[in-house]
């Protein structure tokens, strides 16, 4: 199948990204600001990327239509099929295009084994009818196109629903579960299931390495089991050992993969006709669906990583200035609605310029990171700690009374001063000045910050290394 990619738009950054991906995949790229300038070729299908302010042509040549946007999201329906952020990294766009290609191949039946394609061609020429197994595979591949559109998104709940509701329907399986895999903890986390009985929500792969689902993760291979009674527990690692929860003893366990990485596992059990899962009829379609689901999970992981990087200060790991204000706006709105306590702490590193002059900027960076670590050690998970500026920090204390905010500030002041900072075998004396206060009724975000900032200024004017209350 001959495929070209068209980009209708003006974003040079996105165009450069597409050029790199198309070069790697050996796909032709057409770039234009006006779709009417494109000359279509016979027997060529097109994947079209269009800026959200460009008008999309309804040409039948376009089998996949994607809209580009500065705000990544996903629209329902089939046109556009997906929305891609213009500043996406090359890896994410590459994964997306792979997904679209798989979608096209499924529609064109190019992923059906060669012998079945030959039989399809034969049918069109009134040759003998193919057998039932091949008919089943062909019908399944026709349904994959619809399911791939549901899975191809950045919504984890939508992906999970498709895996538990739509995929089992293709294989006439009564029960299904999907787990995500965290390689750092080497654990499987239950995402969604439709079992009437309780199943495990967390599975340690190392501690359960002999279990079928863990074996699928370790070996990175799909498994069809024909006798659950000889395979320890239920396929989904149910907390119950009772295999009578199932009407049949056959199940399939399939890892969701992107490249060589396992991102999750899907389990199917109990065919409605009480038959066993079959390698010949079930595995080809399920392998393709798992590849599509794995690519979607990888895209979601990359998207979340980009979001975290956009919201986080790279040096300290605290949230950045813009995220701080977004969070504070949200919390002030909640305060005005529910009247819960809301406190704010603003912190300034004393004498950073002097430190930079004496120890260099690397010495200053060491002190900044030292203060950030002490802030992390003082706050709760519900608090929002931010690097407000170069040598300034801020902490939003939700549902916190002023006296509790004062205790936290005093503890932080003591920790920063008493924990010695070493840089190239020298000690850097480190202190901070702190201003604290509570939000008042009908106070705007700007007024709230100015009040606490004024208290911080007073603390520095009074000699530094102290706490002032607004």
Protein backbone atom coordinates (compact mmCIF):
# COMPACT_ATOMS: atom_id res chain seq x y z
CA UNK A 1 0.00 0.00 0.00
CA UNK A 2 1.48 3.31 -1.17
CA UNK A 3 1.03 6.09 1.41
CA UNK A 4 1.98 9.77 1.34
CA UNK A 5 1.76 12.28 4.16
CA UNK A 6 0.36 15.79 3.58
CA UNK A 7 0.85 18.69 5.98
CA UNK A 8 -1.56 21.62 5.46
CA UNK A 9 -0.29 24.40 7.68
CA UNK A 10 2.30 26.97 8.60
CA UNK A 11 4.11 25.61 11.68
CA UNK A 12 7.77 25.19 10.70
CA UNK A 13 8.60 23.33 13.92
CA UNK A 14 5.98 20.68 13.23
CA UNK A 15 6.99 20.49 9.57
CA UNK A 16 10.62 19.77 10.56
CA UNK A 17 9.41 17.04 12.91
CA UNK A 18 7.35 15.45 10.12
CA UNK A 19 10.35 15.58 7.76
CA UNK A 20 12.48 13.61 10.23
CA UNK A 21 9.77 10.99 10.78
CA UNK A 22 9.02 10.61 7.06
CA UNK A 23 12.73 10.22 6.29
CA UNK A 24 13.05 7.47 8.91
CA UNK A 25 9.98 5.65 7.55
CA UNK A 26 10.78 6.31 3.87
CA UNK A 27 7.42 8.02 3.30
CA UNK A 28 6.86 10.92 0.90
CA UNK A 29 5.87 14.23 2.49
CA UNK A 30 3.88 17.01 0.81
CA UNK A 31 3.73 20.41 2.53
CA UNK A 32 1.29 23.13 1.53
CA UNK A 33 -0.82 25.93 2.96
CA UNK A 34 -3.56 25.33 0.40
CA UNK A 35 -5.02 21.82 -0.08
CA UNK A 36 -6.30 22.75 -3.56
CA UNK A 37 -2.68 22.85 -4.75
CA UNK A 38 -2.22 19.11 -4.13
CA UNK A 39 -2.37 16.78 -7.14
CA UNK A 40 -3.62 13.36 -6.12
CA UNK A 41 -2.10 10.17 -7.49
CA UNK A 42 -4.01 7.03 -8.30
CA UNK A 43 -3.50 4.09 -5.93
CA UNK A 44 -2.01 6.36 -3.27
CA UNK A 45 -3.58 6.89 0.15
CA UNK A 46 -2.88 9.97 2.26
CA UNK A 47 -2.41 10.69 5.94
CA UNK A 48 -3.27 14.36 6.32
CA UNK A 49 -2.06 16.66 9.12
CA UNK A 50 -3.94 19.97 9.09
CA UNK A 51 -3.62 23.05 11.29
CA UNK A 52 -6.84 23.64 13.18
CA UNK A 53 -7.52 26.83 11.20
CA UNK A 54 -7.19 25.11 7.81
CA UNK A 55 -10.17 23.73 5.93
CA UNK A 56 -10.00 19.96 5.32
CA UNK A 57 -10.93 18.60 1.93
CA UNK A 58 -13.41 15.67 1.87
CA UNK A 59 -11.42 13.82 -0.77
CA UNK A 60 -11.83 10.00 -0.66
CA UNK A 61 -8.04 9.76 -0.95
CA UNK A 62 -7.75 10.75 2.73
CA UNK A 63 -8.03 7.59 4.81
CA UNK A 64 -6.66 9.21 7.98
CA UNK A 65 -7.19 12.87 8.85
CA UNK A 66 -5.33 14.38 11.80
CA UNK A 67 -5.61 17.92 13.11
CA UNK A 68 -2.63 19.72 14.64
CA UNK A 69 -3.12 22.02 17.59
CA UNK A 70 -1.22 23.90 20.27
CA UNK A 71 -3.54 22.26 22.81
CA UNK A 72 -3.28 18.45 22.58
CA UNK A 73 -6.66 16.75 22.98
CA UNK A 74 -8.80 14.13 21.31
CA UNK A 75 -12.06 14.71 19.47
CA UNK A 76 -14.82 12.09 19.25
CA UNK A 77 -15.76 10.66 15.88
CA UNK A 78 -13.71 9.65 12.91
CA UNK A 79 -12.99 13.05 11.28
CA UNK A 80 -10.56 14.27 12.41
CA UNK A 81 -9.26 10.92 13.63
CA UNK A 82 -6.90 12.47 16.15
CA UNK A 83 -5.37 15.75 17.33
CA UNK A 84 -1.60 16.15 17.63
CA UNK A 85 0.20 18.97 19.45
CA UNK A 86 2.44 20.98 17.11
CA UNK A 87 5.35 20.92 19.57
CA UNK A 88 5.24 17.14 20.07
CA UNK A 89 8.68 15.48 20.12
CA UNK A 90 9.81 13.38 17.16
CA UNK A 91 9.30 10.14 19.14
CA UNK A 92 5.63 10.88 19.81
CA UNK A 93 4.86 11.84 16.21
CA UNK A 94 6.73 8.74 15.01
CA UNK A 95 4.60 6.54 17.29
CA UNK A 96 1.43 8.28 16.12
CA UNK A 97 2.22 7.71 12.44
CA UNK A 98 3.03 4.05 13.15
CA UNK A 99 -0.41 3.77 14.72
CA UNK A 100 -2.07 5.40 11.70
CA UNK A 101 -0.21 3.06 9.34
CA UNK A 102 -1.41 0.05 11.33
CA UNK A 103 -4.92 1.49 11.15
CA UNK A 104 -4.69 1.78 7.36
CA UNK A 105 -3.22 -1.69 7.01
CA UNK A 106 -6.07 -3.12 9.07
CA UNK A 107 -8.61 -1.37 6.81
CA UNK A 108 -6.87 -2.62 3.70
CA UNK A 109 -6.44 -6.13 5.16
CA UNK A 110 -2.70 -5.99 4.52
CA UNK A 111 -2.04 -7.44 7.95
CA UNK A 112 -4.08 -10.54 7.11
CA UNK A 113 -1.75 -13.47 6.33
CA UNK A 114 -0.72 -13.68 2.69
CA UNK A 115 -2.58 -16.90 2.02
CA UNK A 116 -5.85 -15.33 3.20
CA UNK A 117 -5.34 -12.31 0.95
CA UNK A 118 -4.94 -14.68 -1.94
CA UNK A 119 -8.18 -16.39 -0.99
CA UNK A 120 -9.94 -13.02 -0.78
CA UNK A 121 -8.76 -12.23 -4.30
CA UNK A 122 -9.96 -15.65 -5.36
CA UNK A 123 -13.41 -15.02 -3.89
CA UNK A 124 -13.76 -11.89 -5.97
CA UNK A 125 -13.09 -14.03 -9.04
CA UNK A 126 -15.81 -16.52 -7.97
CA UNK A 127 -13.31 -19.11 -6.84
CA UNK A 128 -14.23 -21.68 -4.12
CA UNK A 129 -15.32 -20.32 -0.73
CA UNK A 130 -12.66 -20.15 1.98
CA UNK A 131 -13.05 -22.15 5.18
CA UNK A 132 -14.68 -20.92 8.40
CA UNK A 133 -11.44 -20.12 10.31
CA UNK A 134 -10.28 -17.77 7.59
CA UNK A 135 -13.70 -16.11 7.50
CA UNK A 136 -13.44 -15.48 11.24
CA UNK A 137 -10.03 -13.82 10.87
CA UNK A 138 -11.23 -11.63 8.00
CA UNK A 139 -14.31 -10.46 9.91
CA UNK A 140 -12.18 -9.64 12.94
CA UNK A 141 -9.77 -7.53 10.97
CA UNK A 142 -12.69 -5.54 9.59
CA UNK A 143 -13.66 -4.63 13.18
CA UNK A 144 -10.13 -3.66 14.19
CA UNK A 145 -10.31 -0.38 12.26
CA UNK A 146 -13.20 0.84 14.42
CA UNK A 147 -11.55 -0.25 17.67
CA UNK A 148 -8.19 1.28 16.70
CA UNK A 149 -9.86 4.70 16.45
CA UNK A 150 -11.16 4.32 20.00
CA UNK A 151 -7.77 3.22 21.36
CA UNK A 152 -5.78 5.87 19.48
CA UNK A 153 -6.16 8.69 22.02
CA UNK A 154 -4.58 10.28 25.09
CA UNK A 155 -7.42 9.22 27.42
CA UNK A 156 -6.43 6.28 29.64
CA UNK A 157 -10.07 5.55 30.58
CA UNK A 158 -11.10 5.37 26.93
CA UNK A 159 -8.23 3.00 26.14
CA UNK A 160 -9.16 0.82 29.13
CA UNK A 161 -12.85 0.73 28.14
CA UNK A 162 -11.98 -0.39 24.62
CA UNK A 163 -9.75 -3.15 25.99
CA UNK A 164 -12.37 -4.44 28.41
CA UNK A 165 -15.55 -3.88 26.39
CA UNK A 166 -14.74 -3.86 22.66
CA UNK A 167 -11.79 -6.24 22.30
CA UNK A 168 -13.45 -9.13 24.22
CA UNK A 169 -16.52 -8.82 21.97
CA UNK A 170 -14.40 -9.67 18.92
CA UNK A 171 -13.27 -12.91 20.55
CA UNK A 172 -16.61 -13.64 22.26
CA UNK A 173 -14.89 -13.54 25.67
CA UNK A 174 -17.09 -12.98 28.71
CA UNK A 175 -14.37 -11.62 31.01
CA UNK A 176 -11.49 -9.26 30.48
CA UNK A 177 -9.02 -7.26 32.53
CA UNK A 178 -6.26 -4.80 31.67
CA UNK A 179 -3.21 -4.03 33.82
CA UNK A 180 -0.56 -1.36 33.30
CA UNK A 181 3.05 -2.30 33.98
CA UNK A 182 5.43 -0.08 35.96
CA UNK A 183 8.97 -1.14 35.11
CA UNK A 184 10.47 0.90 37.96
CA UNK A 185 8.56 -1.01 40.65
CA UNK A 186 8.22 -4.16 38.49
CA UNK A 187 4.53 -4.24 39.35
CA UNK A 188 1.26 -4.66 37.47
CA UNK A 189 -1.54 -2.23 38.37
CA UNK A 190 -5.18 -3.10 37.62
CA UNK A 191 -6.69 -0.49 35.32
CA UNK A 192 -10.12 -1.94 34.54
CA UNK A 193 -11.98 -5.26 34.52
CA UNK A 194 -15.48 -6.71 34.14
CA UNK A 195 -15.18 -9.74 36.43
CA UNK A 196 -18.03 -10.41 38.88
CA UNK A 197 -15.49 -11.51 41.49
CA UNK A 198 -12.61 -9.65 43.12
CA UNK A 199 -9.27 -9.68 41.32
CA UNK A 200 -5.86 -8.40 42.40
CA UNK A 201 -5.30 -4.67 42.02
CA UNK A 202 -1.51 -4.86 42.44
CA UNK A 203 0.83 -7.70 41.44
CA UNK A 204 4.55 -7.80 42.18
CA UNK A 205 6.05 -9.53 39.13
CA UNK A 206 9.25 -10.58 40.91
CA UNK A 207 7.37 -12.21 43.79
CA UNK A 208 4.91 -13.93 41.45
CA UNK A 209 7.26 -14.82 38.60
CA UNK A 210 5.76 -18.29 38.02
CA UNK A 211 2.23 -17.02 37.49
CA UNK A 212 1.00 -16.93 33.88
CA UNK A 213 0.44 -13.17 33.68
CA UNK A 214 3.88 -12.46 35.12
CA UNK A 215 5.40 -14.98 32.74
CA UNK A 216 3.83 -13.07 29.83
CA UNK A 217 5.51 -9.89 31.11
CA UNK A 218 8.89 -11.54 31.69
CA UNK A 219 8.97 -13.42 28.37
CA UNK A 220 7.18 -10.65 26.40
CA UNK A 221 5.02 -13.25 24.68
CA UNK A 222 1.32 -13.95 24.36
CA UNK A 223 0.13 -17.08 26.18
CA UNK A 224 -2.91 -19.26 25.49
CA UNK A 225 -3.75 -21.53 28.42
CA UNK A 226 -6.06 -24.49 27.91
CA UNK A 227 -6.17 -25.73 31.50
CA UNK A 228 -6.37 -23.10 34.22
CA UNK A 229 -6.38 -25.74 36.93
CA UNK A 230 -2.75 -26.53 36.10
CA UNK A 231 -1.68 -22.87 36.05
CA UNK A 232 -1.71 -21.82 39.70
CA UNK A 233 -4.35 -19.09 39.96
CA UNK A 234 -6.85 -17.50 37.64
CA UNK A 235 -5.32 -15.74 34.59
CA UNK A 236 -5.88 -12.31 36.11
CA UNK A 237 -4.25 -13.41 39.41
CA UNK A 238 -7.56 -13.33 41.24
CA UNK A 239 -7.18 -13.16 44.98
CA UNK A 240 -9.38 -16.24 45.05
CA UNK A 241 -7.87 -19.60 44.05
CA UNK A 242 -11.30 -20.77 42.92
CA UNK A 243 -11.16 -21.47 39.18
CA UNK A 244 -14.89 -22.27 39.27
CA UNK A 245 -15.35 -18.54 38.72
CA UNK A 246 -14.91 -19.49 35.05
CA UNK A 247 -17.12 -21.75 32.93
CA UNK A 248 -14.19 -22.82 30.76
CA UNK A 249 -10.54 -23.62 31.48
CA UNK A 250 -9.16 -21.63 28.54
CA UNK A 251 -7.80 -18.08 28.60
CA UNK A 252 -5.38 -15.83 26.73
CA UNK A 253 -2.83 -13.47 28.30
CA UNK A 254 -1.30 -10.86 26.01
CA UNK A 255 1.39 -8.27 26.85
CA UNK A 256 0.80 -4.75 25.51
CA UNK A 257 4.09 -3.67 23.97
CA UNK A 258 5.74 -0.74 22.24
CA UNK A 259 8.99 -1.79 20.64
CA UNK A 260 10.72 -4.00 23.20
CA UNK A 261 8.99 -2.43 26.22
CA UNK A 262 6.04 -4.00 28.06
CA UNK A 263 3.47 -1.36 29.02
CA UNK A 264 0.65 -3.58 30.24
CA UNK A 265 -1.21 -6.87 29.97
CA UNK A 266 -4.70 -7.78 28.77
CA UNK A 267 -6.42 -11.00 29.87
CA UNK A 268 -9.38 -12.64 28.13
CA UNK A 269 -11.29 -15.59 29.59
CA UNK A 270 -14.48 -17.63 29.17
CA UNK A 271 -15.63 -17.72 25.59
CA UNK A 272 -19.41 -17.45 25.40
CA UNK A 273 -19.64 -20.59 23.22
CA UNK A 274 -17.47 -22.46 25.82
CA UNK A 275 -14.78 -23.18 23.21
CA UNK A 276 -11.05 -22.77 23.76
CA UNK A 277 -8.97 -19.85 22.49
CA UNK A 278 -7.15 -20.91 19.32
CA UNK A 279 -3.71 -19.89 18.10
CA UNK A 280 -4.74 -19.95 14.43
CA UNK A 281 -7.92 -17.86 14.68
CA UNK A 282 -7.43 -15.71 17.79
CA UNK A 283 -3.77 -14.73 17.96
CA UNK A 284 -3.32 -12.75 14.68
CA UNK A 285 -6.08 -10.23 15.42
CA UNK A 286 -5.27 -10.00 19.14
CA UNK A 287 -1.57 -9.41 18.43
CA UNK A 288 -2.46 -6.47 16.18
CA UNK A 289 -4.86 -4.98 18.75
CA UNK A 290 -2.22 -5.36 21.47
CA UNK A 291 0.31 -3.57 19.26
CA UNK A 292 -2.15 -0.69 18.74
CA UNK A 293 -3.00 -0.52 22.46
CA UNK A 294 0.70 -0.68 23.37
CA UNK A 295 1.49 2.22 21.04
CA UNK A 296 -1.39 4.22 22.56
CA UNK A 297 -0.07 3.63 26.09
CA UNK A 298 3.42 4.66 24.95
CA UNK A 299 2.02 7.86 23.44
CA UNK A 300 0.17 8.58 26.68
CA UNK A 301 3.34 8.00 28.69
CA UNK A 302 5.29 10.41 26.45
CA UNK A 303 2.49 12.98 26.68
CA UNK A 304 2.48 12.79 30.48
CA UNK A 305 6.25 13.12 30.55
CA UNK A 306 6.07 16.24 28.39
CA UNK A 307 3.35 17.67 30.64
CA UNK A 308 5.44 17.00 33.76
CA UNK A 309 8.45 18.68 32.17
CA UNK A 310 6.31 21.68 31.19
CA UNK A 311 5.05 22.07 34.77
CA UNK A 312 8.27 21.40 36.65
CA UNK A 313 11.40 23.43 37.38
CA UNK A 314 14.24 21.42 35.85
CA UNK A 315 16.81 22.17 38.55
CA UNK A 316 14.81 21.61 41.74
CA UNK A 317 11.95 19.33 40.72
CA UNK A 318 9.44 21.75 42.27
CA UNK A 319 6.56 23.09 40.18
CA UNK A 320 7.42 26.15 38.11
CA UNK A 321 6.13 29.73 38.25
CA UNK A 322 3.23 29.31 35.81
CA UNK A 323 2.04 26.08 37.46
CA UNK A 324 2.21 27.79 40.85
CA UNK A 325 -0.14 30.55 39.69
CA UNK A 326 -2.50 28.10 38.01
CA UNK A 327 -2.69 26.13 41.25
CA UNK A 328 -3.07 29.23 43.42
CA UNK A 329 -5.92 30.53 41.23
CA UNK A 330 -7.69 27.20 41.65
CA UNK A 331 -7.16 27.12 45.43
CA UNK A 332 -8.29 30.72 45.95
CA UNK A 333 -11.49 29.91 44.04
CA UNK A 334 -12.03 26.90 46.32
CA UNK A 335 -11.35 29.07 49.38
CA UNK A 336 -13.93 31.65 48.33
CA UNK A 337 -16.47 28.89 47.66
CA UNK A 338 -15.97 26.62 50.69
CA UNK A 339 -14.21 28.96 53.18
CA UNK A 340 -11.55 26.36 54.05
CA UNK A 341 -8.27 27.66 55.48
CA UNK A 342 -5.69 28.54 52.84
CA UNK A 343 -2.18 29.65 53.78
CA UNK A 344 0.74 30.76 51.64
CA UNK A 345 4.46 30.67 52.45
CA UNK A 346 6.96 32.70 50.43
CA UNK A 347 10.68 32.02 50.90
CA UNK A 348 13.71 33.98 49.75
CA UNK A 349 17.26 32.60 49.80
CA UNK A 350 19.42 35.09 51.70
CA UNK A 351 22.48 36.48 49.91
CA UNK A 352 22.46 34.41 46.73
CA UNK A 353 24.41 37.08 44.85
CA UNK A 354 27.18 36.97 47.46
CA UNK A 355 27.25 33.16 47.24
CA UNK A 356 27.49 33.31 43.43
CA UNK A 357 30.30 35.89 43.63
CA UNK A 358 32.32 33.79 46.08
CA UNK A 359 31.58 30.19 44.96
CA UNK A 360 30.42 30.70 41.38
CA UNK A 361 27.05 29.85 39.92
CA UNK A 362 27.54 26.12 40.52
CA UNK A 363 27.88 26.90 44.21
CA UNK A 364 24.71 29.00 44.03
CA UNK A 365 22.88 26.17 42.26
CA UNK A 366 23.97 23.78 45.02
CA UNK A 367 22.42 26.06 47.65
CA UNK A 368 19.20 26.47 45.64
CA UNK A 369 18.83 22.69 45.40
CA UNK A 370 19.61 22.36 49.12
CA UNK A 371 16.75 24.74 50.02
CA UNK A 372 14.40 22.96 47.60
CA UNK A 373 15.13 19.60 49.26
CA UNK A 374 14.40 21.04 52.71
CA UNK A 375 11.09 22.41 51.42
CA UNK A 376 10.16 18.98 50.03
CA UNK A 377 10.97 17.43 53.41
CA UNK A 378 8.68 19.88 55.23
CA UNK A 379 5.54 19.82 53.10
CA UNK A 380 2.71 17.31 52.79
CA UNK A 381 1.70 15.54 49.58
CA UNK A 382 -1.35 17.80 49.35
CA UNK A 383 0.77 20.98 49.53
CA UNK A 384 2.12 22.63 46.38
CA UNK A 385 5.78 23.66 46.54
CA UNK A 386 7.14 25.86 43.75
CA UNK A 387 10.28 27.59 42.62
CA UNK A 388 8.78 31.06 42.29
CA UNK A 389 11.85 32.76 40.82
CA UNK A 390 15.64 32.56 40.76
CA UNK A 391 16.15 32.59 44.55
CA UNK A 392 12.50 32.58 45.62
CA UNK A 393 10.21 29.71 46.55
CA UNK A 394 6.55 29.45 47.51
CA UNK A 395 4.36 26.82 49.17
CA UNK A 396 0.55 26.68 48.93
CA UNK A 397 -0.79 25.09 52.12
CA UNK A 398 -4.34 23.89 51.49
CA UNK A 399 -6.73 23.60 54.47
CA UNK A 400 -3.98 24.87 56.79
CA UNK A 401 -4.49 27.32 59.64
CA UNK A 402 -2.06 30.19 60.13
CA UNK A 403 -0.53 28.68 63.28
CA UNK A 404 0.28 25.45 61.40
CA UNK A 405 1.81 27.45 58.55
CA UNK A 406 3.96 29.29 61.13
CA UNK A 407 5.16 25.97 62.56
CA UNK A 408 6.15 24.75 59.09
CA UNK A 409 8.00 28.00 58.37
CA UNK A 410 9.91 27.78 61.66
CA UNK A 411 10.87 24.16 60.99
CA UNK A 412 12.08 25.04 57.48
CA UNK A 413 14.08 28.02 58.77
CA UNK A 414 15.87 25.77 61.26
CA UNK A 415 16.55 22.94 58.80
CA UNK A 416 18.05 25.23 56.16
CA UNK A 417 20.40 26.91 58.63
CA UNK A 418 21.47 23.81 60.57
CA UNK A 419 22.02 21.37 57.68
CA UNK A 420 25.47 22.24 56.35
CA UNK A 421 25.95 22.81 52.62
CA UNK A 422 29.31 21.60 51.28
CA UNK A 423 30.68 22.73 47.92
CA UNK A 424 34.18 21.66 46.83
CA UNK A 425 35.10 20.89 50.46
CA UNK A 426 33.97 24.33 51.59
CA UNK A 427 30.98 25.19 53.76
CA UNK A 428 28.44 27.64 52.34
CA UNK A 429 26.47 29.35 55.14
CA UNK A 430 22.81 29.20 54.10
CA UNK A 431 19.71 30.91 55.51
CA UNK A 432 16.30 31.97 54.22
CA UNK A 433 13.78 34.67 55.00
CA UNK A 434 10.10 33.73 55.07
CA UNK A 435 6.77 35.53 54.83
CA UNK A 436 3.49 33.75 55.64
CA UNK A 437 -0.19 34.60 55.75
CA UNK A 438 -3.75 33.42 55.17
CA UNK A 439 -6.14 34.19 52.37
CA UNK A 440 -8.92 36.57 53.35
CA UNK A 441 -12.51 36.56 52.02
CA UNK A 442 -12.89 38.09 48.55
CA UNK A 443 -9.13 38.63 48.27
CA UNK A 444 -7.82 38.27 44.71
CA UNK A 445 -4.81 36.09 43.88
CA UNK A 446 -2.72 39.18 43.18
CA UNK A 447 -3.71 40.79 46.51
CA UNK A 448 -2.99 37.55 48.38
CA UNK A 449 0.51 37.23 46.89
CA UNK A 450 1.31 40.93 47.42
CA UNK A 451 0.37 40.65 51.10
CA UNK A 452 2.68 37.67 51.72
CA UNK A 453 5.44 39.20 49.57
CA UNK A 454 5.28 42.33 51.74
CA UNK A 455 5.77 40.20 54.88
CA UNK A 456 8.77 38.53 53.21
CA UNK A 457 10.25 41.93 52.39
CA UNK A 458 9.84 42.97 56.04
CA UNK A 459 11.62 39.80 57.19
CA UNK A 460 14.61 40.60 54.98
CA UNK A 461 14.67 44.23 56.08
CA UNK A 462 14.61 43.14 59.72
CA UNK A 463 17.87 41.23 59.33
CA UNK A 464 17.03 38.07 57.33
CA UNK A 465 16.87 34.46 58.59
CA UNK A 466 13.47 34.98 60.21
CA UNK A 467 9.72 34.56 59.70
CA UNK A 468 7.23 37.44 59.40
CA UNK A 469 3.45 37.02 59.41
CA UNK A 470 1.29 39.17 57.15
